[in-house]
Structures are given as structure tokens and as C-alpha cells.
């Protein structure tokens, strides 16, 4: 299947958007199904960093580990799930617009299931993400345009 992809324009600079959106501690603030998220080390987030993310999927909370596999501040990042029944592959890009005073954020996610996740991905995860991703981007836009920074 193809990735689920959504784009939104945000009235903040690419650096501000990138800094906020790649800070895992902010995930529960703008993603509906994110229950908790934290880096697994005290080092700044960089290629190779691992994050623990707990998401509400269907009727359950599932914790998974994501690893940063690419990071090009303030333009893009790519994370991939390395454990758990549902492993997300998330890619974000930020394009400057209006001479860099605003940003165009595109988030794309795809998923692979392992064990029970093979049934959850098509039946629960993909439909849930299709509904939530546009709302998540609107929530993120509202937070950032109200003045939040990382």
C-alpha cells in the first residue's frame, strides 16, 4: 500500500516547525493517538537516536521503538519503527514559503504489521491514521501559530 500523506501550511519558519515537530516530548500535544513519547537517551535527537512511543491503537495502548534514520534540519526527517506489532515509517518534509516566514509541512506514514499487527494495520491502523492525520496537522498548526516553540 502507499503511504498516507497530508500537507499543511503553517505561519512559522521552517526552523521553528522542525524544532517542535521533531521533539518527541511534544507528540502527545498534537497527535491524537500518542499517549507518551520520550527519547531513549539524553543526547540530542540525531540519526541513530531511538524513541519510545506509546500509541492508542484500536482499544489498546501499544509501545514501540522508533529510530531516526535520516535528519536534515530544518528540511526533513525520517523515522522507522524497529519493534512492536505495528511498525511505522514516518517521513516529514518542510518547505519554506513566503521567503521563509511560513512553512509547508508534509507528513507521510506507512505501516508494517508483525504478529497481531498484520491484522491491525489494514483493519485499524490505516483507517485511524487516515482520519487523524489531517486533524493532527491542524492541531499542530494551531499550537505553532499560537506561539509554541520547542
N, C-alpha and C. Protein backbone atom coordinates (compact mmCIF):
# COMPACT_ATOMS: atom_id res chain seq x y z
N UNK A 1 0.84 -1.19 0.00
CA UNK A 1 0.00 0.00 0.00
C UNK A 1 0.88 1.24 0.00
N UNK A 2 0.30 2.34 -0.42
CA UNK A 2 1.06 3.58 -0.45
C UNK A 2 0.93 4.31 0.88
N UNK A 3 1.88 5.20 1.10
CA UNK A 3 1.90 5.96 2.34
C UNK A 3 0.68 6.88 2.42
N UNK A 4 0.26 7.15 3.63
CA UNK A 4 -0.79 8.14 3.89
C UNK A 4 -0.08 9.47 4.03
N UNK A 5 -0.52 10.46 3.27
CA UNK A 5 0.22 11.71 3.16
C UNK A 5 -0.71 12.91 3.28
N UNK A 6 -0.29 13.91 4.06
CA UNK A 6 -1.05 15.14 4.23
C UNK A 6 -0.08 16.32 4.28
N UNK A 7 -0.54 17.45 3.77
CA UNK A 7 0.27 18.67 3.74
C UNK A 7 -0.53 19.82 4.34
N UNK A 8 0.18 20.71 5.04
CA UNK A 8 -0.46 21.89 5.63
C UNK A 8 0.54 23.04 5.65
N UNK A 9 0.03 24.25 5.48
CA UNK A 9 0.86 25.45 5.58
C UNK A 9 0.74 26.01 7.00
N UNK A 10 1.89 26.39 7.56
CA UNK A 10 1.95 26.88 8.93
C UNK A 10 2.68 28.22 8.94
N UNK A 11 2.12 29.19 9.63
CA UNK A 11 2.71 30.52 9.69
C UNK A 11 3.80 30.59 10.76
N UNK A 12 4.83 29.79 10.54
CA UNK A 12 6.04 29.79 11.37
C UNK A 12 7.18 29.39 10.45
N UNK A 13 8.40 29.76 10.80
CA UNK A 13 9.56 29.46 9.97
C UNK A 13 9.83 27.95 9.95
N UNK A 14 10.51 27.48 8.90
CA UNK A 14 10.87 26.05 8.87
C UNK A 14 11.66 25.61 10.11
N UNK A 15 12.57 26.44 10.60
CA UNK A 15 13.36 26.07 11.78
C UNK A 15 12.46 25.88 13.01
N UNK A 16 11.47 26.75 13.18
CA UNK A 16 10.57 26.63 14.33
C UNK A 16 9.70 25.38 14.21
N UNK A 17 9.17 25.13 13.01
CA UNK A 17 8.34 23.95 12.79
C UNK A 17 9.17 22.69 13.01
N UNK A 18 10.35 22.63 12.41
CA UNK A 18 11.21 21.45 12.54
C UNK A 18 11.55 21.17 14.00
N UNK A 19 11.95 22.20 14.71
CA UNK A 19 12.34 22.04 16.11
C UNK A 19 11.20 21.47 16.95
N UNK A 20 10.00 21.96 16.73
CA UNK A 20 8.87 21.49 17.52
C UNK A 20 8.44 20.08 17.12
N UNK A 21 8.30 19.86 15.82
CA UNK A 21 7.74 18.60 15.35
C UNK A 21 8.69 17.41 15.56
N UNK A 22 9.98 17.65 15.63
CA UNK A 22 10.93 16.55 15.85
C UNK A 22 11.28 16.34 17.32
N UNK A 23 10.68 17.11 18.21
CA UNK A 23 10.87 16.90 19.65
C UNK A 23 9.82 15.88 20.11
N UNK A 24 10.25 14.66 20.42
CA UNK A 24 9.26 13.61 20.74
C UNK A 24 8.38 13.94 21.94
N UNK A 25 8.84 14.77 22.85
CA UNK A 25 8.02 15.08 24.03
C UNK A 25 6.76 15.86 23.65
N UNK A 26 6.73 16.44 22.46
CA UNK A 26 5.55 17.19 22.01
C UNK A 26 4.50 16.31 21.32
N UNK A 27 4.86 15.07 20.95
CA UNK A 27 3.92 14.23 20.20
C UNK A 27 2.53 14.14 20.83
N UNK A 28 2.41 13.88 22.15
CA UNK A 28 1.07 13.79 22.73
C UNK A 28 0.28 15.10 22.65
N UNK A 29 0.96 16.22 22.46
CA UNK A 29 0.27 17.51 22.38
C UNK A 29 -0.48 17.68 21.06
N UNK A 30 0.05 17.06 19.99
CA UNK A 30 -0.58 17.31 18.68
C UNK A 30 -1.01 16.05 17.93
N UNK A 31 -0.67 14.88 18.43
CA UNK A 31 -1.11 13.64 17.76
C UNK A 31 -2.14 12.94 18.64
N UNK A 32 -3.33 12.75 18.09
CA UNK A 32 -4.45 12.19 18.85
C UNK A 32 -4.14 10.85 19.50
N UNK A 33 -3.45 9.96 18.80
CA UNK A 33 -3.25 8.62 19.36
C UNK A 33 -1.95 8.47 20.14
N UNK A 34 -1.16 9.54 20.25
CA UNK A 34 0.09 9.47 21.01
C UNK A 34 -0.22 9.65 22.50
N UNK A 35 0.08 8.63 23.27
CA UNK A 35 -0.16 8.65 24.70
C UNK A 35 1.08 9.20 25.43
N UNK A 36 2.26 8.78 24.97
CA UNK A 36 3.52 9.20 25.58
C UNK A 36 4.64 9.01 24.56
N UNK A 37 5.67 9.83 24.68
CA UNK A 37 6.84 9.68 23.81
C UNK A 37 8.04 10.28 24.53
N UNK A 38 9.17 9.61 24.37
CA UNK A 38 10.39 10.11 25.00
C UNK A 38 11.61 9.54 24.29
N UNK A 39 12.68 10.34 24.26
CA UNK A 39 13.93 9.81 23.70
C UNK A 39 14.49 8.75 24.64
N UNK A 40 15.23 7.79 24.11
CA UNK A 40 15.81 6.73 24.93
C UNK A 40 17.24 7.04 25.37
N UNK A 41 17.69 8.27 25.10
CA UNK A 41 18.99 8.72 25.61
C UNK A 41 18.90 10.21 25.90
N UNK A 42 19.92 10.72 26.58
CA UNK A 42 19.96 12.15 26.90
C UNK A 42 20.56 12.98 25.79
N UNK A 43 21.03 12.34 24.74
CA UNK A 43 21.66 13.05 23.63
C UNK A 43 20.59 13.76 22.78
N UNK A 44 20.97 14.83 22.10
CA UNK A 44 20.02 15.46 21.18
C UNK A 44 19.58 14.47 20.10
N UNK A 45 18.37 14.63 19.61
CA UNK A 45 17.84 13.75 18.57
C UNK A 45 18.68 13.92 17.30
N UNK A 46 19.15 12.78 16.78
CA UNK A 46 20.00 12.77 15.58
C UNK A 46 19.84 11.41 14.91
N UNK A 47 20.43 11.24 13.74
CA UNK A 47 20.40 9.95 13.06
C UNK A 47 20.92 8.88 14.03
N UNK A 48 20.16 7.81 14.15
CA UNK A 48 20.51 6.73 15.07
C UNK A 48 19.78 6.80 16.40
N UNK A 49 19.24 7.98 16.75
CA UNK A 49 18.50 8.11 18.02
C UNK A 49 17.29 7.20 18.03
N UNK A 50 16.98 6.70 19.22
CA UNK A 50 15.80 5.85 19.40
C UNK A 50 14.83 6.55 20.33
N UNK A 51 13.54 6.37 20.04
CA UNK A 51 12.47 6.98 20.81
C UNK A 51 11.48 5.90 21.22
N UNK A 52 10.95 6.01 22.41
CA UNK A 52 9.87 5.14 22.86
C UNK A 52 8.58 5.93 22.66
N UNK A 53 7.65 5.32 21.93
CA UNK A 53 6.37 5.98 21.65
C UNK A 53 5.24 5.02 22.02
N UNK A 54 4.33 5.47 22.86
CA UNK A 54 3.15 4.70 23.20
C UNK A 54 1.96 5.33 22.50
N UNK A 55 1.24 4.50 21.72
CA UNK A 55 0.09 4.98 20.95
C UNK A 55 -1.15 4.18 21.31
N UNK A 56 -2.28 4.85 21.25
CA UNK A 56 -3.57 4.19 21.45
C UNK A 56 -4.02 3.71 20.07
N UNK A 57 -4.02 2.40 19.88
CA UNK A 57 -4.38 1.80 18.60
C UNK A 57 -5.58 0.89 18.83
N UNK A 58 -6.69 1.24 18.22
CA UNK A 58 -7.91 0.49 18.47
C UNK A 58 -8.33 0.68 19.91
N UNK A 59 -8.34 -0.42 20.66
CA UNK A 59 -8.72 -0.36 22.08
C UNK A 59 -7.54 -0.53 23.02
N UNK A 60 -6.33 -0.55 22.46
CA UNK A 60 -5.15 -0.85 23.29
C UNK A 60 -4.10 0.24 23.18
N UNK A 61 -3.28 0.36 24.21
CA UNK A 61 -2.09 1.19 24.16
C UNK A 61 -0.92 0.28 23.80
N UNK A 62 -0.15 0.68 22.79
CA UNK A 62 1.00 -0.12 22.35
C UNK A 62 2.24 0.75 22.37
N UNK A 63 3.29 0.22 22.96
CA UNK A 63 4.56 0.93 23.00
C UNK A 63 5.47 0.34 21.95
N UNK A 64 6.12 1.22 21.22
CA UNK A 64 7.04 0.79 20.17
C UNK A 64 8.28 1.67 20.21
N UNK A 65 9.34 1.18 19.59
CA UNK A 65 10.57 1.95 19.48
C UNK A 65 10.72 2.43 18.05
N UNK A 66 10.96 3.72 17.90
CA UNK A 66 11.22 4.32 16.60
C UNK A 66 12.69 4.72 16.58
N UNK A 67 13.29 4.63 15.40
CA UNK A 67 14.68 5.05 15.23
C UNK A 67 14.76 6.09 14.11
N UNK A 68 15.52 7.16 14.38
CA UNK A 68 15.73 8.20 13.38
C UNK A 68 16.71 7.64 12.36
N UNK A 69 16.29 7.60 11.09
CA UNK A 69 17.19 7.06 10.06
C UNK A 69 17.69 8.15 9.11
N UNK A 70 17.09 9.33 9.18
CA UNK A 70 17.58 10.46 8.39
C UNK A 70 17.10 11.74 9.05
N UNK A 71 17.94 12.75 9.04
CA UNK A 71 17.57 14.04 9.61
C UNK A 71 18.36 15.12 8.89
N UNK A 72 17.65 16.07 8.30
CA UNK A 72 18.26 17.19 7.57
C UNK A 72 17.57 18.48 8.01
N UNK A 73 17.94 19.01 9.19
CA UNK A 73 17.27 20.21 9.71
C UNK A 73 17.51 21.42 8.80
N UNK A 74 16.56 22.26 8.60
CA UNK A 74 15.15 22.17 9.02
C UNK A 74 14.26 21.64 7.89
N UNK A 75 14.79 20.81 7.03
CA UNK A 75 14.07 20.37 5.82
C UNK A 75 13.33 19.05 5.94
N UNK A 76 13.93 18.05 6.60
CA UNK A 76 13.28 16.74 6.59
C UNK A 76 13.80 15.85 7.70
N UNK A 77 13.03 14.80 7.97
CA UNK A 77 13.42 13.76 8.90
C UNK A 77 12.69 12.49 8.51
N UNK A 78 13.22 11.36 8.96
CA UNK A 78 12.64 10.06 8.62
C UNK A 78 12.86 9.15 9.82
N UNK A 79 11.80 8.53 10.30
CA UNK A 79 11.87 7.61 11.43
C UNK A 79 11.21 6.29 11.03
N UNK A 80 11.72 5.22 11.61
CA UNK A 80 11.19 3.90 11.30
C UNK A 80 11.04 3.09 12.58
N UNK A 81 9.91 2.39 12.69
CA UNK A 81 9.67 1.52 13.84
C UNK A 81 10.55 0.29 13.77
N UNK A 82 11.17 -0.06 14.89
CA UNK A 82 12.08 -1.20 14.90
C UNK A 82 11.60 -2.35 15.78
N UNK A 83 10.45 -2.16 16.46
CA UNK A 83 9.88 -3.26 17.24
C UNK A 83 8.39 -3.04 17.41
N UNK A 84 7.74 -4.01 18.00
CA UNK A 84 6.30 -3.91 18.23
C UNK A 84 5.51 -4.52 17.09
N UNK A 85 4.23 -4.75 17.34
CA UNK A 85 3.39 -5.38 16.32
C UNK A 85 3.07 -4.47 15.13
N UNK A 86 3.08 -3.16 15.35
CA UNK A 86 2.85 -2.19 14.28
C UNK A 86 4.07 -1.30 14.20
N UNK A 87 4.73 -1.30 13.05
CA UNK A 87 5.96 -0.52 12.87
C UNK A 87 5.72 0.56 11.83
N UNK A 88 5.74 1.78 12.30
CA UNK A 88 5.51 2.91 11.42
C UNK A 88 6.77 3.32 10.69
N UNK A 89 6.57 3.90 9.54
CA UNK A 89 7.65 4.52 8.76
C UNK A 89 7.16 5.92 8.46
N UNK A 90 7.75 6.93 9.10
CA UNK A 90 7.26 8.30 9.03
C UNK A 90 8.32 9.19 8.42
N UNK A 91 7.89 9.95 7.42
CA UNK A 91 8.79 10.89 6.76
C UNK A 91 8.13 12.26 6.78
N UNK A 92 8.89 13.25 7.19
CA UNK A 92 8.38 14.62 7.20
C UNK A 92 9.27 15.53 6.39
N UNK A 93 8.65 16.45 5.66
CA UNK A 93 9.41 17.47 4.92
C UNK A 93 8.81 18.83 5.22
N UNK A 94 9.67 19.82 5.23
CA UNK A 94 9.25 21.19 5.47
C UNK A 94 9.86 22.06 4.36
N UNK A 95 8.99 22.73 3.64
CA UNK A 95 9.43 23.65 2.59
C UNK A 95 9.20 25.08 3.06
N UNK A 96 10.17 25.97 2.85
CA UNK A 96 9.93 27.37 3.19
C UNK A 96 8.99 28.00 2.16
N UNK A 97 8.06 28.81 2.62
CA UNK A 97 7.21 29.59 1.73
C UNK A 97 7.20 31.03 2.24
N UNK A 98 6.82 31.95 1.37
CA UNK A 98 6.81 33.38 1.71
C UNK A 98 8.15 33.82 2.28
N UNK A 99 9.21 33.54 1.52
CA UNK A 99 10.58 33.92 1.90
C UNK A 99 11.00 33.37 3.26
N UNK A 100 10.50 32.19 3.60
CA UNK A 100 10.91 31.53 4.83
C UNK A 100 10.16 31.97 6.08
N UNK A 101 9.16 32.85 5.93
CA UNK A 101 8.39 33.26 7.10
C UNK A 101 7.30 32.26 7.44
N UNK A 102 6.97 31.40 6.46
CA UNK A 102 5.96 30.36 6.65
C UNK A 102 6.54 29.04 6.16
N UNK A 103 5.84 27.96 6.48
CA UNK A 103 6.33 26.61 6.13
C UNK A 103 5.21 25.77 5.55
N UNK A 104 5.58 24.90 4.64
CA UNK A 104 4.67 23.88 4.12
C UNK A 104 5.16 22.53 4.65
N UNK A 105 4.40 21.95 5.55
CA UNK A 105 4.75 20.69 6.20
C UNK A 105 4.02 19.54 5.52
N UNK A 106 4.75 18.52 5.12
CA UNK A 106 4.16 17.31 4.58
C UNK A 106 4.58 16.14 5.46
N UNK A 107 3.60 15.40 5.95
CA UNK A 107 3.85 14.20 6.74
C UNK A 107 3.34 13.00 5.95
N UNK A 108 4.15 11.97 5.87
CA UNK A 108 3.78 10.74 5.18
C UNK A 108 4.09 9.56 6.09
N UNK A 109 3.15 8.66 6.20
CA UNK A 109 3.35 7.50 7.06
C UNK A 109 2.88 6.22 6.39
N UNK A 110 3.63 5.18 6.60
CA UNK A 110 3.24 3.85 6.15
C UNK A 110 3.50 2.90 7.31
N UNK A 111 2.96 1.70 7.23
CA UNK A 111 3.00 0.80 8.37
C UNK A 111 3.20 -0.63 7.93
N UNK A 112 3.92 -1.38 8.75
CA UNK A 112 4.04 -2.81 8.53
C UNK A 112 3.63 -3.52 9.81
N UNK A 113 2.94 -4.63 9.64
CA UNK A 113 2.46 -5.38 10.80
C UNK A 113 3.29 -6.63 11.03
N UNK A 114 3.48 -6.94 12.30
CA UNK A 114 4.18 -8.16 12.72
C UNK A 114 3.29 -8.85 13.75
N UNK A 115 3.12 -10.16 13.63
CA UNK A 115 2.23 -10.87 14.55
C UNK A 115 0.81 -10.34 14.41
N UNK A 116 0.19 -9.96 15.53
CA UNK A 116 -1.17 -9.42 15.51
C UNK A 116 -1.25 -8.13 14.69
N UNK A 117 -0.13 -7.45 14.54
CA UNK A 117 -0.09 -6.22 13.75
C UNK A 117 -0.46 -6.44 12.30
N UNK A 118 -0.26 -7.66 11.78
CA UNK A 118 -0.64 -7.95 10.39
C UNK A 118 -2.14 -7.74 10.18
N UNK A 119 -2.93 -8.05 11.18
CA UNK A 119 -4.38 -7.81 11.09
C UNK A 119 -4.72 -6.37 11.45
N UNK A 120 -4.00 -5.79 12.41
CA UNK A 120 -4.31 -4.43 12.86
C UNK A 120 -4.03 -3.36 11.81
N UNK A 121 -2.96 -3.51 11.04
CA UNK A 121 -2.59 -2.47 10.08
C UNK A 121 -3.72 -2.16 9.11
N UNK A 122 -4.24 -3.13 8.36
CA UNK A 122 -5.30 -2.78 7.40
C UNK A 122 -6.66 -2.50 8.03
N UNK A 123 -6.96 -3.17 9.15
CA UNK A 123 -8.29 -3.05 9.75
C UNK A 123 -8.43 -1.87 10.70
N UNK A 124 -7.36 -1.49 11.39
CA UNK A 124 -7.44 -0.46 12.42
C UNK A 124 -6.49 0.70 12.17
N UNK A 125 -5.21 0.40 11.97
CA UNK A 125 -4.19 1.45 11.93
C UNK A 125 -4.37 2.39 10.74
N UNK A 126 -4.40 1.85 9.53
CA UNK A 126 -4.51 2.72 8.35
C UNK A 126 -5.79 3.57 8.38
N UNK A 127 -6.97 2.99 8.67
CA UNK A 127 -8.16 3.84 8.74
C UNK A 127 -8.07 4.91 9.84
N UNK A 128 -7.49 4.55 10.99
CA UNK A 128 -7.34 5.50 12.09
C UNK A 128 -6.42 6.65 11.67
N UNK A 129 -5.30 6.33 11.05
CA UNK A 129 -4.34 7.36 10.64
C UNK A 129 -4.93 8.24 9.54
N UNK A 130 -5.66 7.64 8.60
CA UNK A 130 -6.30 8.44 7.54
C UNK A 130 -7.22 9.51 8.11
N UNK A 131 -7.93 9.17 9.18
CA UNK A 131 -8.83 10.14 9.82
C UNK A 131 -8.07 11.13 10.68
N UNK A 132 -7.06 10.66 11.41
CA UNK A 132 -6.38 11.50 12.39
C UNK A 132 -5.33 12.44 11.79
N UNK A 133 -4.64 12.03 10.73
CA UNK A 133 -3.53 12.83 10.23
C UNK A 133 -3.94 14.26 9.87
N UNK A 134 -5.05 14.49 9.15
CA UNK A 134 -5.42 15.89 8.87
C UNK A 134 -5.74 16.67 10.16
N UNK A 135 -6.38 16.01 11.12
CA UNK A 135 -6.68 16.68 12.39
C UNK A 135 -5.40 16.96 13.17
N UNK A 136 -4.46 16.00 13.14
CA UNK A 136 -3.19 16.20 13.84
C UNK A 136 -2.46 17.41 13.27
N UNK A 137 -2.44 17.52 11.93
CA UNK A 137 -1.75 18.66 11.32
C UNK A 137 -2.45 19.98 11.69
N UNK A 138 -3.77 19.98 11.76
CA UNK A 138 -4.49 21.19 12.16
C UNK A 138 -4.17 21.55 13.61
N UNK A 139 -4.10 20.55 14.48
CA UNK A 139 -3.74 20.80 15.88
C UNK A 139 -2.33 21.37 15.96
N UNK A 140 -1.39 20.77 15.24
CA UNK A 140 -0.01 21.25 15.21
C UNK A 140 0.04 22.70 14.74
N UNK A 141 -0.65 23.00 13.66
CA UNK A 141 -0.71 24.36 13.12
C UNK A 141 -1.21 25.33 14.20
N UNK A 142 -2.29 24.96 14.89
CA UNK A 142 -2.84 25.82 15.94
C UNK A 142 -1.85 26.07 17.06
N UNK A 143 -1.16 25.03 17.49
CA UNK A 143 -0.18 25.16 18.56
C UNK A 143 0.95 26.09 18.13
N UNK A 144 1.50 25.84 16.95
CA UNK A 144 2.65 26.63 16.50
C UNK A 144 2.26 28.08 16.21
N UNK A 145 1.12 28.29 15.59
CA UNK A 145 0.71 29.65 15.27
C UNK A 145 0.29 30.44 16.50
N UNK A 146 -0.02 29.73 17.60
CA UNK A 146 -0.34 30.41 18.86
C UNK A 146 0.93 30.80 19.61
N UNK A 147 2.10 30.36 19.09
CA UNK A 147 3.35 30.81 19.67
C UNK A 147 4.21 29.76 20.33
N UNK A 148 3.81 28.49 20.30
CA UNK A 148 4.62 27.45 20.92
C UNK A 148 5.90 27.22 20.13
N UNK A 149 6.98 26.99 20.83
CA UNK A 149 8.25 26.59 20.22
C UNK A 149 8.83 25.46 21.04
N UNK A 150 9.83 24.81 20.47
CA UNK A 150 10.41 23.65 21.15
C UNK A 150 11.14 24.02 22.41
